[in-house]
N, C-alpha and C. Protein backbone atom coordinates (compact mmCIF):
# COMPACT_ATOMS: atom_id res chain seq x y z
N MET A 1 89.75 132.47 129.59
CA MET A 1 88.98 133.50 130.28
C MET A 1 89.85 134.05 131.41
N SER A 2 89.95 135.36 131.48
CA SER A 2 90.77 135.98 132.52
C SER A 2 89.99 136.09 133.82
N ILE A 3 90.72 136.30 134.89
CA ILE A 3 90.10 136.43 136.21
C ILE A 3 89.24 137.69 136.27
N VAL A 4 89.63 138.73 135.55
CA VAL A 4 88.84 139.97 135.52
C VAL A 4 87.49 139.72 134.84
N THR A 5 87.51 138.98 133.74
CA THR A 5 86.26 138.65 133.05
C THR A 5 85.36 137.82 133.95
N LEU A 6 85.96 136.86 134.65
CA LEU A 6 85.20 136.05 135.60
C LEU A 6 84.58 136.92 136.68
N GLY A 7 85.38 137.85 137.21
CA GLY A 7 84.89 138.75 138.25
C GLY A 7 83.76 139.64 137.77
N LEU A 8 83.89 140.18 136.57
CA LEU A 8 82.83 141.03 136.02
C LEU A 8 81.55 140.24 135.80
N GLY A 9 81.69 139.01 135.31
CA GLY A 9 80.52 138.16 135.13
C GLY A 9 79.84 137.83 136.44
N LEU A 10 80.64 137.47 137.45
CA LEU A 10 80.09 137.18 138.77
C LEU A 10 79.41 138.41 139.36
N HIS A 11 80.04 139.57 139.18
CA HIS A 11 79.47 140.81 139.72
C HIS A 11 78.10 141.10 139.08
N PHE A 12 78.00 140.91 137.77
CA PHE A 12 76.73 141.13 137.08
C PHE A 12 75.67 140.15 137.59
N ILE A 13 76.04 138.89 137.74
CA ILE A 13 75.09 137.90 138.26
C ILE A 13 74.65 138.26 139.67
N LEU A 14 75.58 138.73 140.49
CA LEU A 14 75.23 139.14 141.85
C LEU A 14 74.29 140.34 141.86
N GLU A 15 74.49 141.27 140.94
CA GLU A 15 73.58 142.41 140.83
C GLU A 15 72.15 141.92 140.55
N LEU A 16 72.03 141.01 139.59
CA LEU A 16 70.71 140.46 139.26
C LEU A 16 70.13 139.68 140.43
N CYS A 17 70.97 138.91 141.10
CA CYS A 17 70.51 138.13 142.26
C CYS A 17 70.06 139.05 143.40
N ALA A 18 70.76 140.16 143.58
CA ALA A 18 70.37 141.10 144.63
C ALA A 18 68.98 141.67 144.36
N LEU A 19 68.73 142.04 143.12
CA LEU A 19 67.41 142.58 142.76
C LEU A 19 66.33 141.50 142.90
N ALA A 20 66.64 140.29 142.46
CA ALA A 20 65.68 139.19 142.59
C ALA A 20 65.42 138.87 144.06
N ALA A 21 66.47 138.91 144.88
CA ALA A 21 66.31 138.63 146.31
C ALA A 21 65.42 139.68 146.97
N MET A 22 65.62 140.95 146.59
CA MET A 22 64.77 142.02 147.14
C MET A 22 63.32 141.80 146.75
N ALA A 23 63.08 141.46 145.50
CA ALA A 23 61.71 141.23 145.04
C ALA A 23 61.09 140.04 145.75
N PHE A 24 61.80 138.93 145.80
CA PHE A 24 61.31 137.71 146.43
C PHE A 24 61.01 137.94 147.91
N ALA A 25 61.99 138.47 148.63
CA ALA A 25 61.81 138.69 150.06
C ALA A 25 60.77 139.78 150.32
N GLY A 26 60.75 140.80 149.47
CA GLY A 26 59.79 141.89 149.65
C GLY A 26 58.36 141.41 149.61
N PHE A 27 58.06 140.51 148.69
CA PHE A 27 56.69 139.98 148.61
C PHE A 27 56.37 139.10 149.80
N ARG A 28 57.37 138.51 150.41
CA ARG A 28 57.13 137.64 151.56
C ARG A 28 57.08 138.43 152.87
N LEU A 29 57.75 139.56 152.92
CA LEU A 29 57.83 140.33 154.17
C LEU A 29 56.68 141.30 154.36
N GLY A 30 56.06 141.73 153.29
CA GLY A 30 54.98 142.71 153.40
C GLY A 30 53.77 142.16 154.13
N ASP A 31 53.22 142.97 155.03
CA ASP A 31 52.04 142.56 155.80
C ASP A 31 50.75 142.65 155.00
N ASN A 32 50.73 143.57 154.06
CA ASN A 32 49.53 143.75 153.24
C ASN A 32 49.95 143.96 151.79
N LEU A 33 48.99 144.06 150.92
CA LEU A 33 49.29 144.18 149.49
C LEU A 33 50.14 145.40 149.17
N ALA A 34 49.82 146.52 149.79
CA ALA A 34 50.57 147.75 149.52
C ALA A 34 52.04 147.59 149.90
N MET A 35 52.31 147.00 151.06
CA MET A 35 53.69 146.79 151.49
C MET A 35 54.40 145.77 150.61
N ARG A 36 53.67 144.73 150.20
CA ARG A 36 54.27 143.73 149.32
C ARG A 36 54.68 144.35 147.98
N LEU A 37 53.81 145.20 147.44
CA LEU A 37 54.13 145.88 146.19
C LEU A 37 55.31 146.84 146.37
N LEU A 38 55.30 147.56 147.48
CA LEU A 38 56.38 148.50 147.75
C LEU A 38 57.71 147.77 147.89
N LEU A 39 57.73 146.75 148.73
CA LEU A 39 58.97 146.02 148.98
C LEU A 39 59.37 145.11 147.82
N GLY A 40 58.38 144.53 147.16
CA GLY A 40 58.67 143.55 146.12
C GLY A 40 58.90 144.12 144.73
N ILE A 41 58.39 145.31 144.48
CA ILE A 41 58.54 145.90 143.14
C ILE A 41 59.29 147.24 143.20
N VAL A 42 58.80 148.16 144.00
CA VAL A 42 59.37 149.51 144.02
C VAL A 42 60.81 149.49 144.53
N LEU A 43 61.08 148.75 145.60
CA LEU A 43 62.43 148.73 146.16
C LEU A 43 63.46 148.18 145.17
N PRO A 44 63.23 147.03 144.53
CA PRO A 44 64.22 146.56 143.55
C PRO A 44 64.38 147.50 142.35
N VAL A 45 63.29 148.09 141.90
CA VAL A 45 63.39 149.03 140.77
C VAL A 45 64.20 150.26 141.19
N ALA A 46 63.96 150.76 142.39
CA ALA A 46 64.73 151.91 142.89
C ALA A 46 66.20 151.55 143.04
N ALA A 47 66.48 150.35 143.55
CA ALA A 47 67.87 149.92 143.70
C ALA A 47 68.55 149.82 142.34
N ALA A 48 67.85 149.27 141.35
CA ALA A 48 68.41 149.16 140.00
C ALA A 48 68.68 150.55 139.41
N ALA A 49 67.77 151.48 139.66
CA ALA A 49 67.95 152.84 139.16
C ALA A 49 69.17 153.49 139.79
N VAL A 50 69.29 153.38 141.10
CA VAL A 50 70.46 153.95 141.79
C VAL A 50 71.74 153.31 141.26
N TRP A 51 71.71 151.99 141.11
CA TRP A 51 72.88 151.26 140.62
C TRP A 51 73.29 151.75 139.23
N GLY A 52 72.32 151.99 138.37
CA GLY A 52 72.62 152.38 137.00
C GLY A 52 72.94 153.85 136.81
N ILE A 53 72.39 154.69 137.65
CA ILE A 53 72.56 156.14 137.48
C ILE A 53 73.87 156.63 138.07
N PHE A 54 74.19 156.20 139.27
CA PHE A 54 75.36 156.70 139.98
C PHE A 54 76.55 155.79 139.72
N ARG A 55 77.48 156.28 138.90
CA ARG A 55 78.64 155.47 138.51
C ARG A 55 79.90 156.33 138.57
N VAL A 56 81.02 155.64 138.69
CA VAL A 56 82.29 156.37 138.60
C VAL A 56 82.62 156.55 137.13
N PRO A 57 83.29 157.63 136.78
CA PRO A 57 83.54 157.94 135.38
C PRO A 57 84.29 156.85 134.60
N ASN A 58 85.19 156.10 135.24
CA ASN A 58 85.99 155.12 134.49
C ASN A 58 85.46 153.70 134.59
N ASP A 59 84.26 153.49 135.11
CA ASP A 59 83.63 152.17 135.09
C ASP A 59 83.06 151.91 133.70
N PRO A 60 82.85 150.63 133.35
CA PRO A 60 82.24 150.35 132.04
C PRO A 60 80.86 151.00 131.93
N GLY A 61 80.58 151.57 130.81
CA GLY A 61 79.29 152.22 130.60
C GLY A 61 79.34 153.69 130.98
N PRO A 62 78.42 154.47 130.44
CA PRO A 62 78.41 155.90 130.73
C PRO A 62 77.94 156.20 132.15
N ALA A 63 78.49 157.25 132.71
CA ALA A 63 78.08 157.69 134.04
C ALA A 63 77.04 158.79 133.90
N THR A 64 75.77 158.47 134.19
CA THR A 64 74.72 159.48 134.15
C THR A 64 75.01 160.55 135.19
N VAL A 65 75.30 160.10 136.40
CA VAL A 65 75.74 160.98 137.47
C VAL A 65 77.07 160.43 137.97
N ALA A 66 78.14 161.16 137.71
CA ALA A 66 79.47 160.71 138.12
C ALA A 66 79.65 160.93 139.62
N ILE A 67 80.11 159.89 140.30
CA ILE A 67 80.33 159.98 141.74
C ILE A 67 81.72 159.46 142.08
N ASP A 68 82.14 159.74 143.29
CA ASP A 68 83.40 159.27 143.82
C ASP A 68 83.37 157.74 143.97
N GLY A 69 84.51 157.11 143.80
CA GLY A 69 84.60 155.66 143.88
C GLY A 69 84.17 155.10 145.23
N ARG A 70 84.50 155.81 146.30
CA ARG A 70 84.12 155.33 147.64
C ARG A 70 82.61 155.32 147.80
N LEU A 71 81.94 156.33 147.26
CA LEU A 71 80.49 156.36 147.33
C LEU A 71 79.89 155.25 146.49
N ARG A 72 80.48 154.98 145.34
CA ARG A 72 80.00 153.89 144.49
C ARG A 72 80.11 152.55 145.22
N LEU A 73 81.23 152.33 145.87
CA LEU A 73 81.43 151.09 146.62
C LEU A 73 80.43 151.00 147.77
N LEU A 74 80.16 152.11 148.43
CA LEU A 74 79.18 152.13 149.50
C LEU A 74 77.78 151.78 148.98
N ILE A 75 77.42 152.30 147.82
CA ILE A 75 76.13 151.98 147.20
C ILE A 75 76.05 150.48 146.90
N GLU A 76 77.11 149.93 146.32
CA GLU A 76 77.11 148.49 146.02
C GLU A 76 76.94 147.67 147.30
N TRP A 77 77.73 148.00 148.31
CA TRP A 77 77.65 147.25 149.57
C TRP A 77 76.28 147.40 150.22
N ALA A 78 75.70 148.58 150.12
CA ALA A 78 74.37 148.80 150.70
C ALA A 78 73.32 147.95 149.99
N ILE A 79 73.38 147.89 148.67
CA ILE A 79 72.40 147.10 147.92
C ILE A 79 72.60 145.61 148.20
N PHE A 80 73.84 145.14 148.17
CA PHE A 80 74.10 143.74 148.48
C PHE A 80 73.71 143.42 149.93
N GLY A 81 74.03 144.32 150.84
CA GLY A 81 73.68 144.11 152.25
C GLY A 81 72.19 144.09 152.48
N LEU A 82 71.48 144.99 151.81
CA LEU A 82 70.02 145.03 151.94
C LEU A 82 69.40 143.75 151.40
N ALA A 83 69.90 143.28 150.27
CA ALA A 83 69.38 142.03 149.69
C ALA A 83 69.59 140.86 150.65
N ALA A 84 70.79 140.76 151.22
CA ALA A 84 71.08 139.68 152.17
C ALA A 84 70.22 139.81 153.42
N ALA A 85 70.07 141.03 153.92
CA ALA A 85 69.26 141.24 155.13
C ALA A 85 67.79 140.89 154.88
N MET A 86 67.30 141.22 153.71
CA MET A 86 65.91 140.89 153.39
C MET A 86 65.71 139.39 153.27
N LEU A 87 66.67 138.69 152.67
CA LEU A 87 66.58 137.23 152.60
C LEU A 87 66.58 136.63 154.00
N TYR A 88 67.45 137.15 154.85
CA TYR A 88 67.53 136.67 156.23
C TYR A 88 66.21 136.93 156.96
N ALA A 89 65.67 138.12 156.82
CA ALA A 89 64.41 138.48 157.48
C ALA A 89 63.25 137.63 156.98
N ALA A 90 63.34 137.19 155.73
CA ALA A 90 62.28 136.35 155.16
C ALA A 90 62.45 134.88 155.54
N GLY A 91 63.46 134.59 156.36
CA GLY A 91 63.65 133.23 156.84
C GLY A 91 64.57 132.37 156.00
N HIS A 92 65.29 132.97 155.08
CA HIS A 92 66.19 132.23 154.20
C HIS A 92 67.65 132.50 154.59
N THR A 93 68.00 132.05 155.79
CA THR A 93 69.33 132.32 156.35
C THR A 93 70.44 131.75 155.48
N THR A 94 70.29 130.50 155.06
CA THR A 94 71.34 129.87 154.26
C THR A 94 71.54 130.60 152.94
N LEU A 95 70.45 130.99 152.32
CA LEU A 95 70.54 131.73 151.06
C LEU A 95 71.20 133.09 151.28
N ALA A 96 70.85 133.75 152.38
CA ALA A 96 71.46 135.05 152.69
C ALA A 96 72.97 134.90 152.90
N LEU A 97 73.37 133.87 153.63
CA LEU A 97 74.80 133.65 153.88
C LEU A 97 75.54 133.28 152.59
N ALA A 98 74.90 132.48 151.75
CA ALA A 98 75.51 132.12 150.47
C ALA A 98 75.68 133.36 149.59
N PHE A 99 74.71 134.25 149.62
CA PHE A 99 74.80 135.48 148.84
C PHE A 99 75.96 136.35 149.34
N VAL A 100 76.07 136.48 150.66
CA VAL A 100 77.17 137.27 151.24
C VAL A 100 78.51 136.64 150.87
N ALA A 101 78.60 135.32 150.97
CA ALA A 101 79.85 134.64 150.62
C ALA A 101 80.21 134.87 149.16
N ALA A 102 79.23 134.78 148.28
CA ALA A 102 79.49 135.01 146.85
C ALA A 102 79.94 136.45 146.60
N ALA A 103 79.33 137.40 147.31
CA ALA A 103 79.73 138.80 147.16
C ALA A 103 81.17 139.01 147.64
N LEU A 104 81.53 138.38 148.75
CA LEU A 104 82.90 138.50 149.25
C LEU A 104 83.91 137.89 148.28
N VAL A 105 83.57 136.76 147.70
CA VAL A 105 84.43 136.14 146.68
C VAL A 105 84.57 137.08 145.49
N ASP A 106 83.47 137.68 145.08
CA ASP A 106 83.50 138.61 143.96
C ASP A 106 84.42 139.79 144.24
N TYR A 107 84.30 140.39 145.42
CA TYR A 107 85.15 141.53 145.74
C TYR A 107 86.61 141.10 145.91
N ALA A 108 86.85 139.86 146.34
CA ALA A 108 88.23 139.37 146.42
C ALA A 108 88.82 139.20 145.02
N ILE A 109 88.02 138.66 144.10
CA ILE A 109 88.47 138.51 142.72
C ILE A 109 88.74 139.87 142.09
N MET A 110 87.88 140.83 142.40
CA MET A 110 87.97 142.16 141.81
C MET A 110 88.67 143.16 142.74
N TYR A 111 89.65 142.67 143.51
CA TYR A 111 90.30 143.53 144.50
C TYR A 111 90.95 144.76 143.89
N GLU A 112 91.45 144.66 142.66
CA GLU A 112 92.06 145.84 142.03
C GLU A 112 91.01 146.93 141.80
N ARG A 113 89.81 146.52 141.41
CA ARG A 113 88.72 147.48 141.23
C ARG A 113 88.34 148.11 142.57
N VAL A 114 88.28 147.29 143.62
CA VAL A 114 87.95 147.80 144.95
C VAL A 114 88.99 148.82 145.38
N LEU A 115 90.27 148.51 145.20
CA LEU A 115 91.33 149.45 145.56
C LEU A 115 91.22 150.75 144.77
N ARG A 116 90.92 150.62 143.48
CA ARG A 116 90.76 151.81 142.63
C ARG A 116 89.59 152.67 143.12
N LEU A 117 88.48 152.02 143.49
CA LEU A 117 87.33 152.76 143.98
C LEU A 117 87.63 153.42 145.33
N LEU A 118 88.36 152.73 146.18
CA LEU A 118 88.69 153.29 147.50
C LEU A 118 89.64 154.48 147.40
N GLN A 119 90.41 154.55 146.34
CA GLN A 119 91.32 155.68 146.15
C GLN A 119 90.59 156.93 145.67
N GLY A 120 89.33 156.77 145.33
CA GLY A 120 88.53 157.92 144.92
C GLY A 120 88.59 158.07 143.46
C-alpha cells in the first residue's frame, strides 16, 4: 500500500468523522428540538453537499462546480475546523484534539496534494 493510498483512505475517514462529529455535537448543543435538528441534521448534510459539489477539476471524481485549489483547501479546513469546534463546544475536548491531530497527520501525508491545491 502506498503512502498516497493511505492518505486518501485517512482523508475519506476524516470526512465521514467530521460529518458524524457535526451530527453528534449538533444534537447535544441545541437548546430545543428545532436547533438540535438544524445543528444535528441540516448542518452535516449541508457540509456534505458543499464538500461534494465544489471540487477542483483534477481531484478524483467529477467537479460539479469547479473551483480554485486554494478555495477547496479552505472549504476542507473550514469543515474540519467546524467539526472540531463543535466537539469542543459539546465538552469533548480530547476527541476534538484527536480529530485535529488526525487531520494534521492527513495533510502531512498528503502534502503534495496540499501544495498542488495551494498553487491554484
